[in-house]
Amino acid sequence: MDKDNECVCNLMPEVLEFIEEFGLDETIFGYRAIDDWRVVDRLRKDGVTIRVAKKIKRFMKEARENPESQRPARKKPARLRARAAAP
């Protein structure tokens, strides 16, 4: 098995460990990693491309190097921010 295929095959356990470590929901992980809330589900069912797997691994590596960047944002939803900004 070459290095790229190994990257994709071993990714799901790594992702689940990361999600638990950072206390993220699977959809939030997907948004933050590659701007796709369904990526964990796709990884579980069909797998992902090598390119997507590399992006996910890079995201997890960078997040572990700077854990403060992964704290949940405390923002109001956009619709509530828009109402507050209206005159």
C-alpha atoms as a PDB file:
ATOM      1  CA  MET A   1       0.000   0.000   0.000  1.00  0.00           C
ATOM      2  CA  ASP A   2       1.434   3.367  -0.935  1.00  0.00           C
ATOM      3  CA  LYS A   3       1.630   6.349   1.383  1.00  0.00           C
ATOM      4  CA  ASP A   4      -1.392   8.173  -0.107  1.00  0.00           C
ATOM      5  CA  ASN A   5      -3.720   5.175   0.213  1.00  0.00           C
ATOM      6  CA  GLU A   6      -2.528   4.652   3.780  1.00  0.00           C
ATOM      7  CA  CYS A   7      -3.365   8.302   4.471  1.00  0.00           C
ATOM      8  CA  VAL A   8      -6.992   7.759   3.390  1.00  0.00           C
ATOM      9  CA  CYS A   9      -7.443   4.350   5.031  1.00  0.00           C
ATOM     10  CA  ASN A  10      -6.285   5.408   8.493  1.00  0.00           C
ATOM     11  CA  LEU A  11      -8.039   8.755   8.495  1.00  0.00           C
ATOM     12  CA  MET A  12     -11.396   7.906  10.122  1.00  0.00           C
ATOM     13  CA  PRO A  13      -9.972   6.812  13.505  1.00  0.00           C
ATOM     14  CA  GLU A  14      -7.734   9.904  13.521  1.00  0.00           C
ATOM     15  CA  VAL A  15     -10.689  12.185  12.760  1.00  0.00           C
ATOM     16  CA  LEU A  16     -12.847  10.649  15.484  1.00  0.00           C
ATOM     17  CA  GLU A  17     -10.007  10.986  17.987  1.00  0.00           C
ATOM     18  CA  PHE A  18      -9.516  14.633  16.983  1.00  0.00           C
ATOM     19  CA  ILE A  19     -13.244  15.386  17.295  1.00  0.00           C
ATOM     20  CA  GLU A  20     -13.295  13.909  20.793  1.00  0.00           C
ATOM     21  CA  GLU A  21     -10.055  15.643  21.799  1.00  0.00           C
ATOM     22  CA  PHE A  22     -11.344  19.077  20.777  1.00  0.00           C
ATOM     23  CA  GLY A  23     -14.980  18.496  21.763  1.00  0.00           C
ATOM     24  CA  LEU A  24     -16.273  19.300  18.296  1.00  0.00           C
ATOM     25  CA  ASP A  25     -19.397  18.118  16.562  1.00  0.00           C
ATOM     26  CA  GLU A  26     -18.758  16.203  13.332  1.00  0.00           C
ATOM     27  CA  THR A  27     -20.390  18.927  11.247  1.00  0.00           C
ATOM     28  CA  ILE A  28     -18.362  21.685  12.909  1.00  0.00           C
ATOM     29  CA  PHE A  29     -15.205  19.690  12.255  1.00  0.00           C
ATOM     30  CA  GLY A  30     -16.153  19.445   8.584  1.00  0.00           C
ATOM     31  CA  TYR A  31     -16.784  23.182   8.294  1.00  0.00           C
ATOM     32  CA  ARG A  32     -13.509  24.066   9.950  1.00  0.00           C
ATOM     33  CA  ALA A  33     -11.407  21.477   8.148  1.00  0.00           C
ATOM     34  CA  ILE A  34     -12.584  21.879   4.559  1.00  0.00           C
ATOM     35  CA  ASP A  35     -15.772  23.960   4.656  1.00  0.00           C
ATOM     36  CA  ASP A  36     -17.974  20.879   4.168  1.00  0.00           C
ATOM     37  CA  TRP A  37     -20.266  19.778   6.986  1.00  0.00           C
ATOM     38  CA  ARG A  38     -20.815  16.325   5.446  1.00  0.00           C
ATOM     39  CA  VAL A  39     -17.185  15.277   5.140  1.00  0.00           C
ATOM     40  CA  VAL A  40     -17.160  12.976   8.196  1.00  0.00           C
ATOM     41  CA  ASP A  41     -20.253  11.179   6.947  1.00  0.00           C
ATOM     42  CA  ARG A  42     -18.697  10.815   3.486  1.00  0.00           C
ATOM     43  CA  LEU A  43     -15.484   9.551   5.023  1.00  0.00           C
ATOM     44  CA  ARG A  44     -17.467   6.964   6.958  1.00  0.00           C
ATOM     45  CA  LYS A  45     -19.543   5.775   3.960  1.00  0.00           C
ATOM     46  CA  ASP A  46     -17.627   6.218   0.731  1.00  0.00           C
ATOM     47  CA  GLY A  47     -14.241   7.604   1.621  1.00  0.00           C
ATOM     48  CA  VAL A  48     -12.718  10.818   0.348  1.00  0.00           C
ATOM     49  CA  THR A  49     -10.179  11.750  -2.264  1.00  0.00           C
ATOM     50  CA  ILE A  50      -6.498  11.855  -1.432  1.00  0.00           C
ATOM     51  CA  ARG A  51      -6.590  15.634  -1.860  1.00  0.00           C
ATOM     52  CA  VAL A  52      -9.374  16.000   0.742  1.00  0.00           C
ATOM     53  CA  ALA A  53      -7.614  13.575   3.094  1.00  0.00           C
ATOM     54  CA  LYS A  54      -4.452  15.677   2.913  1.00  0.00           C
ATOM     55  CA  LYS A  55      -6.414  18.857   3.678  1.00  0.00           C
ATOM     56  CA  ILE A  56      -8.024  17.185   6.704  1.00  0.00           C
ATOM     57  CA  LYS A  57      -4.670  15.929   7.995  1.00  0.00           C
ATOM     58  CA  ARG A  58      -3.134  19.397   7.538  1.00  0.00           C
ATOM     59  CA  PHE A  59      -6.052  20.982   9.430  1.00  0.00           C
ATOM     60  CA  MET A  60      -5.686  18.551  12.349  1.00  0.00           C
ATOM     61  CA  LYS A  61      -1.908  19.068  12.493  1.00  0.00           C
ATOM     62  CA  GLU A  62      -2.257  22.860  12.534  1.00  0.00           C
ATOM     63  CA  ALA A  63      -5.025  22.707  15.140  1.00  0.00           C
ATOM     64  CA  ARG A  64      -2.893  20.567  17.449  1.00  0.00           C
ATOM     65  CA  GLU A  65      -0.003  22.998  17.056  1.00  0.00           C
ATOM     66  CA  ASN A  66      -2.304  25.911  17.965  1.00  0.00           C
ATOM     67  CA  PRO A  67      -5.210  24.518  20.052  1.00  0.00           C
ATOM     68  CA  GLU A  68      -6.542  27.982  20.933  1.00  0.00           C
ATOM     69  CA  SER A  69      -7.587  28.397  17.302  1.00  0.00           C
ATOM     70  CA  GLN A  70     -10.161  25.617  17.709  1.00  0.00           C
ATOM     71  CA  ARG A  71     -12.122  27.004  20.615  1.00  0.00           C
ATOM     72  CA  PRO A  72     -15.795  27.331  19.762  1.00  0.00           C
ATOM     73  CA  ALA A  73     -16.745  30.785  18.535  1.00  0.00           C
ATOM     74  CA  ARG A  74     -19.211  32.658  20.722  1.00  0.00           C
ATOM     75  CA  LYS A  75     -20.983  34.546  17.963  1.00  0.00           C
ATOM     76  CA  LYS A  76     -24.684  35.094  17.537  1.00  0.00           C
ATOM     77  CA  PRO A  77     -26.225  33.553  14.435  1.00  0.00           C
ATOM     78  CA  ALA A  78     -26.067  35.812  11.365  1.00  0.00           C
ATOM     79  CA  ARG A  79     -29.818  36.487  11.381  1.00  0.00           C
ATOM     80  CA  LEU A  80     -29.629  37.792  14.951  1.00  0.00           C
ATOM     81  CA  ARG A  81     -26.587  39.954  14.169  1.00  0.00           C
ATOM     82  CA  ALA A  82     -28.486  41.434  11.203  1.00  0.00           C
ATOM     83  CA  ARG A  83     -31.480  42.298  13.396  1.00  0.00           C
ATOM     84  CA  ALA A  84     -29.261  43.969  15.984  1.00  0.00           C
ATOM     85  CA  ALA A  85     -27.561  46.059  13.274  1.00  0.00           C
ATOM     86  CA  ALA A  86     -30.873  47.205  11.758  1.00  0.00           C
ATOM     87  CA  PRO A  87     -32.022  50.717  12.774  1.00  0.00           C
END
